[in-house]
Protein backbone atom coordinates (compact mmCIF):
# COMPACT_ATOMS: atom_id res chain seq x y z
CA MET A 1 -13.04 52.90 46.12
CA SER A 2 -10.22 55.30 45.35
CA VAL A 3 -7.70 56.97 47.62
CA THR A 4 -4.82 59.31 46.81
CA ILE A 5 -1.30 58.43 47.94
CA ASN A 6 1.10 61.36 47.75
CA PHE A 7 4.71 60.42 46.98
CA GLN A 8 7.89 62.42 47.45
CA ARG A 9 11.13 61.64 45.63
CA LEU A 10 14.13 61.37 47.93
CA PRO A 11 17.20 63.56 47.25
CA ASP A 12 19.46 60.86 45.68
CA SER A 13 16.66 59.24 43.68
CA ASP A 14 16.50 59.09 39.90
CA PRO A 15 13.59 61.27 38.72
CA MET A 16 13.30 59.17 35.56
CA ILE A 17 12.05 56.14 37.52
CA ASP A 18 8.27 55.88 37.34
CA LEU A 19 6.00 56.19 40.36
CA PRO A 20 4.17 52.99 41.30
CA ALA A 21 1.66 52.04 38.61
CA TYR A 22 -0.96 49.39 37.94
CA ALA A 23 0.00 47.16 34.99
CA THR A 24 -3.61 46.35 34.08
CA SER A 25 -7.04 47.81 34.78
CA GLY A 26 -7.93 44.91 37.11
CA ALA A 27 -4.66 44.84 39.05
CA ALA A 28 -4.90 44.97 42.85
CA GLY A 29 -1.20 45.77 43.24
CA ALA A 30 0.81 48.59 41.70
CA ASP A 31 4.38 47.81 40.69
CA ILE A 32 7.10 49.67 42.58
CA ARG A 33 10.65 49.92 41.24
CA ALA A 34 14.22 49.82 42.51
CA ASN A 35 15.73 53.30 42.55
CA PHE A 36 19.40 53.15 43.48
CA VAL A 37 21.75 55.95 44.47
CA PRO A 38 24.00 57.10 41.61
CA ASP A 39 26.91 54.77 42.55
CA LEU A 40 24.74 51.64 42.09
CA ARG A 41 22.69 52.60 39.04
CA ALA A 42 25.02 51.07 36.45
CA THR A 43 25.73 47.82 38.31
CA GLY A 44 22.56 47.24 40.28
CA LEU A 45 22.60 45.07 43.38
CA ARG A 46 23.69 41.43 43.19
CA LEU A 47 21.97 39.03 45.58
CA ALA A 48 23.76 35.73 46.14
CA PRO A 49 21.63 32.69 47.06
CA MET A 50 20.16 33.14 50.56
CA GLU A 51 21.37 36.76 50.68
CA ARG A 52 18.95 39.52 51.59
CA ALA A 53 19.08 43.28 51.13
CA LEU A 54 17.01 46.38 51.68
CA VAL A 55 16.34 47.70 48.19
CA PRO A 56 15.55 51.42 47.96
CA THR A 57 12.67 52.79 45.92
CA GLY A 58 13.76 56.43 46.12
CA LEU A 59 10.34 57.34 47.49
CA ALA A 60 8.57 58.38 50.67
CA CYS A 61 4.81 58.75 50.89
CA ALA A 62 1.83 59.98 52.87
CA ILE A 63 -0.83 57.34 53.33
CA PRO A 64 -4.19 58.65 54.57
CA GLN A 65 -5.18 57.66 58.10
CA GLY A 66 -7.33 54.54 58.06
CA PHE A 67 -5.23 52.89 55.33
CA GLU A 68 -1.97 50.95 55.07
CA MET A 69 0.37 50.14 52.20
CA GLN A 70 1.21 46.46 51.89
CA ILE A 71 4.43 45.49 50.11
CA ARG A 72 4.04 42.16 48.33
CA ALA A 73 6.25 39.96 46.19
CA ARG A 74 6.03 39.85 42.42
CA SER A 75 5.07 36.35 41.35
CA GLY A 76 7.24 36.44 38.22
CA LEU A 77 10.42 37.12 40.21
CA ALA A 78 9.45 34.40 42.67
CA VAL A 79 8.74 31.62 40.17
CA LYS A 80 11.52 32.44 37.69
CA HIS A 81 14.34 33.38 40.07
CA GLY A 82 13.33 32.50 43.65
CA ILE A 83 13.24 36.16 44.67
CA ALA A 84 10.96 36.76 47.66
CA LEU A 85 10.29 39.32 50.35
CA VAL A 86 11.54 38.55 53.84
CA ASN A 87 8.59 40.07 55.68
CA ALA A 88 5.83 39.51 53.15
CA PRO A 89 3.59 41.26 53.21
CA GLY A 90 5.39 44.26 54.61
CA THR A 91 3.25 47.01 56.08
CA ILE A 92 3.76 50.74 55.82
CA ASP A 93 1.62 52.58 58.36
CA SER A 94 -0.24 55.80 57.67
CA ASP A 95 1.94 57.80 60.08
CA TYR A 96 5.31 56.73 58.55
CA ARG A 97 7.03 59.33 56.36
CA GLY A 98 10.48 57.80 55.82
CA PRO A 99 12.04 56.08 52.83
CA ILE A 100 10.21 53.10 51.35
CA GLY A 101 12.52 50.10 51.10
CA VAL A 102 11.80 46.52 50.07
CA ILE A 103 13.49 43.71 52.01
CA MET A 104 14.31 41.15 49.32
CA ILE A 105 15.86 37.68 49.59
CA ASN A 106 17.22 35.33 46.97
CA LEU A 107 15.86 31.85 47.67
CA GLY A 108 17.06 30.64 44.28
CA ALA A 109 20.13 28.56 43.43
CA SER A 110 21.87 31.29 41.39
CA ALA A 111 22.90 34.87 42.03
CA PHE A 112 20.38 37.46 40.86
CA THR A 113 21.00 41.10 40.01
CA ILE A 114 18.37 43.68 40.88
CA GLU A 115 18.69 46.34 38.21
CA HIS A 116 18.05 50.06 38.58
CA GLY A 117 14.44 50.72 37.58
CA MET A 118 13.39 47.06 37.83
CA ARG A 119 9.90 46.30 39.12
CA ILE A 120 10.76 44.66 42.46
CA ALA A 121 7.48 44.42 44.36
CA GLN A 122 3.88 45.50 44.29
CA ILE A 123 2.01 47.75 46.66
CA VAL A 124 -1.57 47.20 47.76
CA ILE A 125 -3.49 49.92 49.59
CA ALA A 126 -5.86 48.45 52.17
CA PRO A 127 -8.22 49.80 54.83
CA VAL A 128 -7.16 49.33 58.45
CA THR A 129 -9.39 48.38 61.35
CA GLN A 130 -7.93 48.96 64.78
CA ALA A 131 -9.24 46.57 67.43
CA GLN A 132 -10.02 47.08 71.08
CA PHE A 133 -8.13 44.54 73.21
CA ALA A 134 -9.63 43.16 76.39
CA LEU A 135 -8.68 40.50 78.90
CA THR A 136 -11.28 37.89 79.90
CA ASP A 137 -11.41 34.84 82.14
CA ARG A 138 -13.33 32.74 79.61
CA LEU A 139 -13.56 32.43 75.82
CA ASP A 140 -16.68 31.30 73.96
CA ALA A 141 -16.74 27.67 72.84
CA THR A 142 -16.47 26.59 69.18
CA ASP A 143 -16.59 23.23 67.36
CA ARG A 144 -12.84 23.51 66.66
CA GLY A 145 -11.85 24.48 70.18
CA GLN A 146 -8.07 24.42 70.72
CA GLY A 147 -7.30 22.31 67.64
CA GLY A 148 -4.62 23.83 65.43
CA PHE A 149 -1.92 23.00 62.87
CA GLY A 150 -3.74 20.45 60.74
CA SER A 151 -6.54 19.68 63.16
CA THR A 152 -9.24 20.35 60.56
CA GLY A 153 -8.03 17.53 58.28
CA THR A 154 -5.96 17.08 55.14
CA VAL A 155 -8.64 17.20 52.42
């Protein structure tokens, strides 16, 4: 299945930074990059351990109705540096037209600098199903019942 996502560059963004792109033909996520305002391009953004920041991508987009854009962590940044996303996965709804930002956190032991143009996250486009919500006096029974948090065993 293919869907078109239209992007718009924001006024202070660097037009030389690539749009999101898939690194391989089988990739589910497209890499999205940091795109800082001119004052931060040379230095980037330093994240101390346990510090979080909203990292700009310099982009806004139009997602077709019936789809969402999920923002997910990059495994390489996570395993090598402890860089994660605070609200992973983040969701961008089809009716949002504002700036796309990535909420990043440094869970590592050392400071980490996010550089201008760095691949900071990946985006996954997914279909959305909206549910109908109803109140009832009784739920159907299952073998599991109310068991939760480890109730199905450890193996």
